[in-house]
Amino acid sequence: MPISEQERFKFVNEVGYEAFQLIAKRMEELGPLSFTELFPSMVGAATVCLANVLRPAVEAASSRAVAADNLVASSSKQVRSFLQPIVGQQP
């Protein structure tokens, strides 16, 4: 049975935030880190998570390179749309 758009939105927000909290908690376990050390590591962890999510679709595609490029482009657009409210608050 398909889920409604509202249920999907709720799932995406909740699970995405849970994943972020787990990454942040694991980074805290490393001890005090400067932003320049923390930021690339957190982005890297999130990127590995995204790659693992995209992997089955890439593996199932007849043209893996095209599928990977399209999925990465689509994901990038979604990330940018999530950042838009913050961008819009720019002084």
PDB file of N, CA and C in Angstrom:
ATOM      1  N   MET A   1       0.851  -1.175   0.000  1.00  0.00           N
ATOM      2  CA  MET A   1       0.000   0.000   0.000  1.00  0.00           C
ATOM      3  C   MET A   1       0.896   1.238   0.000  1.00  0.00           C
ATOM      4  N   PRO A   2       0.698   2.136  -0.940  1.00  0.00           N
ATOM      5  CA  PRO A   2       1.542   3.324  -1.000  1.00  0.00           C
ATOM      6  C   PRO A   2       1.278   4.251   0.190  1.00  0.00           C
ATOM      7  N   ILE A   3       2.333   4.974   0.572  1.00  0.00           N
ATOM      8  CA  ILE A   3       2.164   5.926   1.666  1.00  0.00           C
ATOM      9  C   ILE A   3       1.795   7.286   1.089  1.00  0.00           C
ATOM     10  N   SER A   4       1.099   8.064   1.881  1.00  0.00           N
ATOM     11  CA  SER A   4       0.694   9.390   1.420  1.00  0.00           C
ATOM     12  C   SER A   4       1.905  10.320   1.396  1.00  0.00           C
ATOM     13  N   GLU A   5       1.760  11.408   0.682  1.00  0.00           N
ATOM     14  CA  GLU A   5       2.834  12.395   0.618  1.00  0.00           C
ATOM     15  C   GLU A   5       3.145  12.938   2.013  1.00  0.00           C
ATOM     16  N   GLN A   6       2.107  13.129   2.815  1.00  0.00           N
ATOM     17  CA  GLN A   6       2.298  13.628   4.181  1.00  0.00           C
ATOM     18  C   GLN A   6       3.075  12.614   5.032  1.00  0.00           C
ATOM     19  N   GLU A   7       2.752  11.330   4.897  1.00  0.00           N
ATOM     20  CA  GLU A   7       3.478  10.291   5.637  1.00  0.00           C
ATOM     21  C   GLU A   7       4.931  10.204   5.184  1.00  0.00           C
ATOM     22  N   ARG A   8       5.159  10.319   3.869  1.00  0.00           N
ATOM     23  CA  ARG A   8       6.514  10.286   3.344  1.00  0.00           C
ATOM     24  C   ARG A   8       7.317  11.473   3.858  1.00  0.00           C
ATOM     25  N   PHE A   9       6.706  12.661   3.852  1.00  0.00           N
ATOM     26  CA  PHE A   9       7.362  13.866   4.350  1.00  0.00           C
ATOM     27  C   PHE A   9       7.745  13.703   5.816  1.00  0.00           C
ATOM     28  N   LYS A  10       6.821  13.152   6.618  1.00  0.00           N
ATOM     29  CA  LYS A  10       7.088  12.927   8.042  1.00  0.00           C
ATOM     30  C   LYS A  10       8.244  11.936   8.218  1.00  0.00           C
ATOM     31  N   PHE A  11       8.207  10.848   7.455  1.00  0.00           N
ATOM     32  CA  PHE A  11       9.270   9.839   7.526  1.00  0.00           C
ATOM     33  C   PHE A  11      10.620  10.457   7.178  1.00  0.00           C
ATOM     34  N   VAL A  12      10.664  11.180   6.070  1.00  0.00           N
ATOM     35  CA  VAL A  12      11.914  11.793   5.613  1.00  0.00           C
ATOM     36  C   VAL A  12      12.477  12.716   6.687  1.00  0.00           C
ATOM     37  N   ASN A  13      11.638  13.560   7.252  1.00  0.00           N
ATOM     38  CA  ASN A  13      12.105  14.491   8.273  1.00  0.00           C
ATOM     39  C   ASN A  13      12.583  13.776   9.533  1.00  0.00           C
ATOM     40  N   GLU A  14      11.811  12.826  10.007  1.00  0.00           N
ATOM     41  CA  GLU A  14      12.165  12.140  11.251  1.00  0.00           C
ATOM     42  C   GLU A  14      13.421  11.279  11.098  1.00  0.00           C
ATOM     43  N   VAL A  15      13.468  10.469  10.070  1.00  0.00           N
ATOM     44  CA  VAL A  15      14.605   9.571   9.882  1.00  0.00           C
ATOM     45  C   VAL A  15      15.856  10.359   9.512  1.00  0.00           C
ATOM     46  N   GLY A  16      15.698  11.387   8.686  1.00  0.00           N
ATOM     47  CA  GLY A  16      16.837  12.235   8.348  1.00  0.00           C
ATOM     48  C   GLY A  16      17.420  12.914   9.576  1.00  0.00           C
ATOM     49  N   TYR A  17      16.555  13.405  10.451  1.00  0.00           N
ATOM     50  CA  TYR A  17      17.043  14.061  11.663  1.00  0.00           C
ATOM     51  C   TYR A  17      17.683  13.048  12.615  1.00  0.00           C
ATOM     52  N   GLU A  18      17.109  11.845  12.692  1.00  0.00           N
ATOM     53  CA  GLU A  18      17.712  10.793  13.525  1.00  0.00           C
ATOM     54  C   GLU A  18      19.113  10.441  13.031  1.00  0.00           C
ATOM     55  N   ALA A  19      19.281  10.350  11.723  1.00  0.00           N
ATOM     56  CA  ALA A  19      20.606  10.053  11.162  1.00  0.00           C
ATOM     57  C   ALA A  19      21.583  11.173  11.495  1.00  0.00           C
ATOM     58  N   PHE A  20      21.138  12.410  11.372  1.00  0.00           N
ATOM     59  CA  PHE A  20      21.986  13.554  11.732  1.00  0.00           C
ATOM     60  C   PHE A  20      22.382  13.492  13.201  1.00  0.00           C
ATOM     61  N   GLN A  21      21.426  13.209  14.077  1.00  0.00           N
ATOM     62  CA  GLN A  21      21.728  13.121  15.509  1.00  0.00           C
ATOM     63  C   GLN A  21      22.758  12.035  15.791  1.00  0.00           C
ATOM     64  N   LEU A  22      22.654  10.900  15.129  1.00  0.00           N
ATOM     65  CA  LEU A  22      23.617   9.816  15.322  1.00  0.00           C
ATOM     66  C   LEU A  22      25.008  10.252  14.876  1.00  0.00           C
ATOM     67  N   ILE A  23      25.096  10.901  13.718  1.00  0.00           N
ATOM     68  CA  ILE A  23      26.394  11.386  13.235  1.00  0.00           C
ATOM     69  C   ILE A  23      26.968  12.400  14.220  1.00  0.00           C
ATOM     70  N   ALA A  24      26.149  13.340  14.684  1.00  0.00           N
ATOM     71  CA  ALA A  24      26.625  14.356  15.631  1.00  0.00           C
ATOM     72  C   ALA A  24      27.090  13.720  16.935  1.00  0.00           C
ATOM     73  N   LYS A  25      26.338  12.725  17.418  1.00  0.00           N
ATOM     74  CA  LYS A  25      26.721  12.044  18.660  1.00  0.00           C
ATOM     75  C   LYS A  25      28.063  11.340  18.498  1.00  0.00           C
ATOM     76  N   ARG A  26      28.244  10.654  17.390  1.00  0.00           N
ATOM     77  CA  ARG A  26      29.519   9.957  17.149  1.00  0.00           C
ATOM     78  C   ARG A  26      30.675  10.944  17.050  1.00  0.00           C
ATOM     79  N   MET A  27      30.435  12.101  16.469  1.00  0.00           N
ATOM     80  CA  MET A  27      31.487  13.125  16.382  1.00  0.00           C
ATOM     81  C   MET A  27      31.832  13.653  17.772  1.00  0.00           C
ATOM     82  N   GLU A  28      30.830  13.838  18.626  1.00  0.00           N
ATOM     83  CA  GLU A  28      31.069  14.300  19.999  1.00  0.00           C
ATOM     84  C   GLU A  28      31.933  13.310  20.765  1.00  0.00           C
ATOM     85  N   GLU A  29      31.769  12.019  20.473  1.00  0.00           N
ATOM     86  CA  GLU A  29      32.548  10.981  21.145  1.00  0.00           C
ATOM     87  C   GLU A  29      34.039  11.085  20.834  1.00  0.00           C
ATOM     88  N   LEU A  30      34.373  11.756  19.735  1.00  0.00           N
ATOM     89  CA  LEU A  30      35.777  11.936  19.378  1.00  0.00           C
ATOM     90  C   LEU A  30      36.461  13.005  20.233  1.00  0.00           C
ATOM     91  N   GLY A  31      35.662  13.755  20.967  1.00  0.00           N
ATOM     92  CA  GLY A  31      36.218  14.821  21.795  1.00  0.00           C
ATOM     93  C   GLY A  31      36.087  16.157  21.104  1.00  0.00           C
ATOM     94  N   PRO A  32      36.609  17.190  21.760  1.00  0.00           N
ATOM     95  CA  PRO A  32      36.478  18.531  21.188  1.00  0.00           C
ATOM     96  C   PRO A  32      37.199  18.651  19.847  1.00  0.00           C
ATOM     97  N   LEU A  33      36.488  19.144  18.859  1.00  0.00           N
ATOM     98  CA  LEU A  33      37.051  19.349  17.531  1.00  0.00           C
ATOM     99  C   LEU A  33      36.708  20.753  17.063  1.00  0.00           C
ATOM    100  N   SER A  34      37.592  21.344  16.298  1.00  0.00           N
ATOM    101  CA  SER A  34      37.295  22.648  15.715  1.00  0.00           C
ATOM    102  C   SER A  34      36.296  22.455  14.583  1.00  0.00           C
ATOM    103  N   PHE A  35      35.660  23.540  14.186  1.00  0.00           N
ATOM    104  CA  PHE A  35      34.701  23.472  13.087  1.00  0.00           C
ATOM    105  C   PHE A  35      35.366  22.951  11.825  1.00  0.00           C
ATOM    106  N   THR A  36      36.603  23.361  11.572  1.00  0.00           N
ATOM    107  CA  THR A  36      37.292  22.918  10.352  1.00  0.00           C
ATOM    108  C   THR A  36      37.573  21.423  10.362  1.00  0.00           C
ATOM    109  N   GLU A  37      37.651  20.805  11.536  1.00  0.00           N
ATOM    110  CA  GLU A  37      37.801  19.347  11.628  1.00  0.00           C
ATOM    111  C   GLU A  37      36.444  18.659  11.611  1.00  0.00           C
ATOM    112  N   LEU A  38      35.488  19.258  12.289  1.00  0.00           N
ATOM    113  CA  LEU A  38      34.166  18.658  12.456  1.00  0.00           C
ATOM    114  C   LEU A  38      33.358  18.660  11.154  1.00  0.00           C
ATOM    115  N   PHE A  39      33.303  19.787  10.486  1.00  0.00           N
ATOM    116  CA  PHE A  39      32.432  19.944   9.322  1.00  0.00           C
ATOM    117  C   PHE A  39      32.717  18.936   8.213  1.00  0.00           C
ATOM    118  N   PRO A  40      33.967  18.807   7.730  1.00  0.00           N
ATOM    119  CA  PRO A  40      34.189  17.839   6.645  1.00  0.00           C
ATOM    120  C   PRO A  40      33.901  16.399   7.061  1.00  0.00           C
ATOM    121  N   SER A  41      34.131  16.086   8.324  1.00  0.00           N
ATOM    122  CA  SER A  41      33.854  14.724   8.787  1.00  0.00           C
ATOM    123  C   SER A  41      32.361  14.441   8.815  1.00  0.00           C
ATOM    124  N   MET A  42      31.567  15.418   9.256  1.00  0.00           N
ATOM    125  CA  MET A  42      30.117  15.223   9.284  1.00  0.00           C
ATOM    126  C   MET A  42      29.555  15.137   7.869  1.00  0.00           C
ATOM    127  N   VAL A  43      30.026  15.998   6.974  1.00  0.00           N
ATOM    128  CA  VAL A  43      29.571  15.940   5.584  1.00  0.00           C
ATOM    129  C   VAL A  43      29.982  14.609   4.958  1.00  0.00           C
ATOM    130  N   GLY A  44      31.188  14.162   5.252  1.00  0.00           N
ATOM    131  CA  GLY A  44      31.648  12.875   4.733  1.00  0.00           C
ATOM    132  C   GLY A  44      30.777  11.726   5.201  1.00  0.00           C
ATOM    133  N   ALA A  45      30.412  11.729   6.482  1.00  0.00           N
ATOM    134  CA  ALA A  45      29.553  10.665   7.020  1.00  0.00           C
ATOM    135  C   ALA A  45      28.180  10.699   6.357  1.00  0.00           C
ATOM    136  N   ALA A  46      27.627  11.890   6.173  1.00  0.00           N
ATOM    137  CA  ALA A  46      26.330  12.004   5.516  1.00  0.00           C
ATOM    138  C   ALA A  46      26.419  11.556   4.052  1.00  0.00           C
ATOM    139  N   THR A  47      27.531  11.839   3.404  1.00  0.00           N
ATOM    140  CA  THR A  47      27.731  11.447   2.011  1.00  0.00           C
ATOM    141  C   THR A  47      27.823   9.929   1.873  1.00  0.00           C
ATOM    142  N   VAL A  48      28.510   9.275   2.804  1.00  0.00           N
ATOM    143  CA  VAL A  48      28.576   7.813   2.795  1.00  0.00           C
ATOM    144  C   VAL A  48      27.172   7.234   2.972  1.00  0.00           C
ATOM    145  N   CYS A  49      26.391   7.828   3.847  1.00  0.00           N
ATOM    146  CA  CYS A  49      25.007   7.378   4.055  1.00  0.00           C
ATOM    147  C   CYS A  49      24.208   7.510   2.755  1.00  0.00           C
ATOM    148  N   LEU A  50      24.319   8.658   2.097  1.00  0.00           N
ATOM    149  CA  LEU A  50      23.611   8.868   0.834  1.00  0.00           C
ATOM    150  C   LEU A  50      24.064   7.865  -0.223  1.00  0.00           C
ATOM    151  N   ALA A  51      25.354   7.647  -0.328  1.00  0.00           N
ATOM    152  CA  ALA A  51      25.867   6.691  -1.319  1.00  0.00           C
ATOM    153  C   ALA A  51      25.307   5.292  -1.069  1.00  0.00           C
ATOM    154  N   ASN A  52      25.193   4.912   0.191  1.00  0.00           N
ATOM    155  CA  ASN A  52      24.627   3.599   0.518  1.00  0.00           C
ATOM    156  C   ASN A  52      23.149   3.509   0.144  1.00  0.00           C
ATOM    157  N   VAL A  53      22.436   4.608   0.263  1.00  0.00           N
ATOM    158  CA  VAL A  53      21.023   4.634  -0.123  1.00  0.00           C
ATOM    159  C   VAL A  53      20.880   4.537  -1.643  1.00  0.00           C
ATOM    160  N   LEU A  54      21.761   5.221  -2.372  1.00  0.00           N
ATOM    161  CA  LEU A  54      21.671   5.245  -3.838  1.00  0.00           C
ATOM    162  C   LEU A  54      22.199   3.975  -4.501  1.00  0.00           C
ATOM    163  N   ARG A  55      23.048   3.255  -3.816  1.00  0.00           N
ATOM    164  CA  ARG A  55      23.731   2.104  -4.398  1.00  0.00           C
ATOM    165  C   ARG A  55      22.798   1.076  -5.054  1.00  0.00           C
ATOM    166  N   PRO A  56      21.715   0.630  -4.382  1.00  0.00           N
ATOM    167  CA  PRO A  56      20.865  -0.382  -5.030  1.00  0.00           C
ATOM    168  C   PRO A  56      20.272   0.088  -6.354  1.00  0.00           C
ATOM    169  N   ALA A  57      19.896   1.358  -6.441  1.00  0.00           N
ATOM    170  CA  ALA A  57      19.338   1.874  -7.694  1.00  0.00           C
ATOM    171  C   ALA A  57      20.400   1.914  -8.792  1.00  0.00           C
ATOM    172  N   VAL A  58      21.619   2.274  -8.437  1.00  0.00           N
ATOM    173  CA  VAL A  58      22.710   2.302  -9.407  1.00  0.00           C
ATOM    174  C   VAL A  58      23.022   0.881  -9.874  1.00  0.00           C
ATOM    175  N   GLU A  59      23.083  -0.057  -8.937  1.00  0.00           N
ATOM    176  CA  GLU A  59      23.380  -1.453  -9.287  1.00  0.00           C
ATOM    177  C   GLU A  59      22.312  -2.053 -10.204  1.00  0.00           C
ATOM    178  N   ALA A  60      21.067  -1.631 -10.029  1.00  0.00           N
ATOM    179  CA  ALA A  60      19.963  -2.192 -10.815  1.00  0.00           C
ATOM    180  C   ALA A  60      19.820  -1.546 -12.191  1.00  0.00           C
ATOM    181  N   ALA A  61      20.505  -0.448 -12.417  1.00  0.00           N
ATOM    182  CA  ALA A  61      20.348   0.300 -13.670  1.00  0.00           C
ATOM    183  C   ALA A  61      21.109  -0.357 -14.818  1.00  0.00           C
ATOM    184  N   SER A  62      20.582  -0.209 -16.011  1.00  0.00           N
ATOM    185  CA  SER A  62      21.281  -0.738 -17.184  1.00  0.00           C
ATOM    186  C   SER A  62      22.512   0.105 -17.504  1.00  0.00           C
ATOM    187  N   SER A  63      22.444   1.384 -17.226  1.00  0.00           N
ATOM    188  CA  SER A  63      23.605   2.268 -17.387  1.00  0.00           C
ATOM    189  C   SER A  63      23.919   2.862 -16.023  1.00  0.00           C
ATOM    190  N   ARG A  64      24.839   2.246 -15.324  1.00  0.00           N
ATOM    191  CA  ARG A  64      25.150   2.654 -13.958  1.00  0.00           C
ATOM    192  C   ARG A  64      25.682   4.080 -13.872  1.00  0.00           C
ATOM    193  N   ALA A  65      26.506   4.470 -14.823  1.00  0.00           N
ATOM    194  CA  ALA A  65      27.065   5.831 -14.789  1.00  0.00           C
ATOM    195  C   ALA A  65      25.965   6.875 -14.936  1.00  0.00           C
ATOM    196  N   VAL A  66      25.040   6.641 -15.863  1.00  0.00           N
ATOM    197  CA  VAL A  66      23.937   7.580 -16.066  1.00  0.00           C
ATOM    198  C   VAL A  66      23.049   7.618 -14.826  1.00  0.00           C
ATOM    199  N   ALA A  67      22.739   6.454 -14.295  1.00  0.00           N
ATOM    200  CA  ALA A  67      21.906   6.397 -13.090  1.00  0.00           C
ATOM    201  C   ALA A  67      22.581   7.127 -11.937  1.00  0.00           C
ATOM    202  N   ALA A  68      23.867   6.891 -11.742  1.00  0.00           N
ATOM    203  CA  ALA A  68      24.589   7.560 -10.658  1.00  0.00           C
ATOM    204  C   ALA A  68      24.564   9.068 -10.853  1.00  0.00           C
ATOM    205  N   ASP A  69      24.838   9.524 -12.066  1.00  0.00           N
ATOM    206  CA  ASP A  69      24.829  10.967 -12.332  1.00  0.00           C
ATOM    207  C   ASP A  69      23.459  11.571 -12.073  1.00  0.00           C
ATOM    208  N   ASN A  70      22.403  10.894 -12.539  1.00  0.00           N
ATOM    209  CA  ASN A  70      21.043  11.410 -12.351  1.00  0.00           C
ATOM    210  C   ASN A  70      20.632  11.423 -10.885  1.00  0.00           C
ATOM    211  N   LEU A  71      20.966  10.372 -10.152  1.00  0.00           N
ATOM    212  CA  LEU A  71      20.608  10.308  -8.737  1.00  0.00           C
ATOM    213  C   LEU A  71      21.367  11.345  -7.922  1.00  0.00           C
ATOM    214  N   VAL A  72      22.630  11.536  -8.228  1.00  0.00           N
ATOM    215  CA  VAL A  72      23.420  12.551  -7.515  1.00  0.00           C
ATOM    216  C   VAL A  72      22.873  13.947  -7.819  1.00  0.00           C
ATOM    217  N   ALA A  73      22.542  14.211  -9.076  1.00  0.00           N
ATOM    218  CA  ALA A  73      21.978  15.513  -9.441  1.00  0.00           C
ATOM    219  C   ALA A  73      20.650  15.749  -8.732  1.00  0.00           C
ATOM    220  N   SER A  74      19.803  14.741  -8.706  1.00  0.00           N
ATOM    221  CA  SER A  74      18.517  14.859  -8.025  1.00  0.00           C
ATOM    222  C   SER A  74      18.699  15.085  -6.528  1.00  0.00           C
ATOM    223  N   SER A  75      19.616  14.353  -5.930  1.00  0.00           N
ATOM    224  CA  SER A  75      19.889  14.507  -4.500  1.00  0.00           C
ATOM    225  C   SER A  75      20.429  15.893  -4.197  1.00  0.00           C
ATOM    226  N   SER A  76      21.298  16.388  -5.053  1.00  0.00           N
ATOM    227  CA  SER A  76      21.860  17.721  -4.880  1.00  0.00           C
ATOM    228  C   SER A  76      20.766  18.787  -4.913  1.00  0.00           C
ATOM    229  N   LYS A  77      19.810  18.637  -5.828  1.00  0.00           N
ATOM    230  CA  LYS A  77      18.692  19.583  -5.910  1.00  0.00           C
ATOM    231  C   LYS A  77      17.845  19.543  -4.642  1.00  0.00           C
ATOM    232  N   GLN A  78      17.642  18.343  -4.100  1.00  0.00           N
ATOM    233  CA  GLN A  78      16.861  18.227  -2.876  1.00  0.00           C
ATOM    234  C   GLN A  78      17.578  18.884  -1.711  1.00  0.00           C
ATOM    235  N   VAL A  79      18.878  18.658  -1.595  1.00  0.00           N
ATOM    236  CA  VAL A  79      19.651  19.278  -0.519  1.00  0.00           C
ATOM    237  C   VAL A  79      19.548  20.798  -0.631  1.00  0.00           C
ATOM    238  N   ARG A  80      19.705  21.315  -1.838  1.00  0.00           N
ATOM    239  CA  ARG A  80      19.628  22.769  -2.046  1.00  0.00           C
ATOM    240  C   ARG A  80      18.265  23.301  -1.649  1.00  0.00           C
ATOM    241  N   SER A  81      17.204  22.558  -1.958  1.00  0.00           N
ATOM    242  CA  SER A  81      15.858  23.020  -1.589  1.00  0.00           C
ATOM    243  C   SER A  81      15.687  23.024  -0.071  1.00  0.00           C
ATOM    244  N   PHE A  82      16.316  22.080   0.623  1.00  0.00           N
ATOM    245  CA  PHE A  82      16.246  22.070   2.085  1.00  0.00           C
ATOM    246  C   PHE A  82      17.003  23.247   2.691  1.00  0.00           C
ATOM    247  N   LEU A  83      18.021  23.721   2.005  1.00  0.00           N
ATOM    248  CA  LEU A  83      18.808  24.856   2.492  1.00  0.00           C
ATOM    249  C   LEU A  83      18.184  26.208   2.139  1.00  0.00           C
ATOM    250  N   GLN A  84      17.234  26.230   1.221  1.00  0.00           N
ATOM    251  CA  GLN A  84      16.658  27.492   0.759  1.00  0.00           C
ATOM    252  C   GLN A  84      16.093  28.361   1.883  1.00  0.00           C
ATOM    253  N   PRO A  85      15.390  27.813   2.864  1.00  0.00           N
ATOM    254  CA  PRO A  85      14.894  28.688   3.937  1.00  0.00           C
ATOM    255  C   PRO A  85      16.026  29.416   4.675  1.00  0.00           C
ATOM    256  N   ILE A  86      17.160  28.751   4.826  1.00  0.00           N
ATOM    257  CA  ILE A  86      18.301  29.385   5.494  1.00  0.00           C
ATOM    258  C   ILE A  86      18.919  30.441   4.580  1.00  0.00           C
ATOM    259  N   VAL A  87      19.036  30.118   3.311  1.00  0.00           N
ATOM    260  CA  VAL A  87      19.580  31.072   2.341  1.00  0.00           C
ATOM    261  C   VAL A  87      18.701  32.319   2.295  1.00  0.00           C
ATOM    262  N   GLY A  88      17.403  32.118   2.349  1.00  0.00           N
ATOM    263  CA  GLY A  88      16.471  33.232   2.298  1.00  0.00           C
ATOM    264  C   GLY A  88      16.545  34.158   3.490  1.00  0.00           C
ATOM    265  N   GLN A  89      17.131  33.701   4.582  1.00  0.00           N
ATOM    266  CA  GLN A  89      17.277  34.530   5.792  1.00  0.00           C
ATOM    267  C   GLN A  89      18.548  35.374   5.763  1.00  0.00           C
ATOM    268  N   GLN A  90      19.297  35.269   4.697  1.00  0.00           N
ATOM    269  CA  GLN A  90      20.571  35.970   4.585  1.00  0.00           C
ATOM    270  C   GLN A  90      20.360  37.463   4.778  1.00  0.00           C
ATOM    271  N   PRO A  91      21.208  38.097   5.621  1.00  0.00           N
ATOM    272  CA  PRO A  91      21.038  39.553   5.854  1.00  0.00           C
ATOM    273  C   PRO A  91      21.371  40.384   4.633  1.00  0.00           C
TER     274      PRO A  91
END
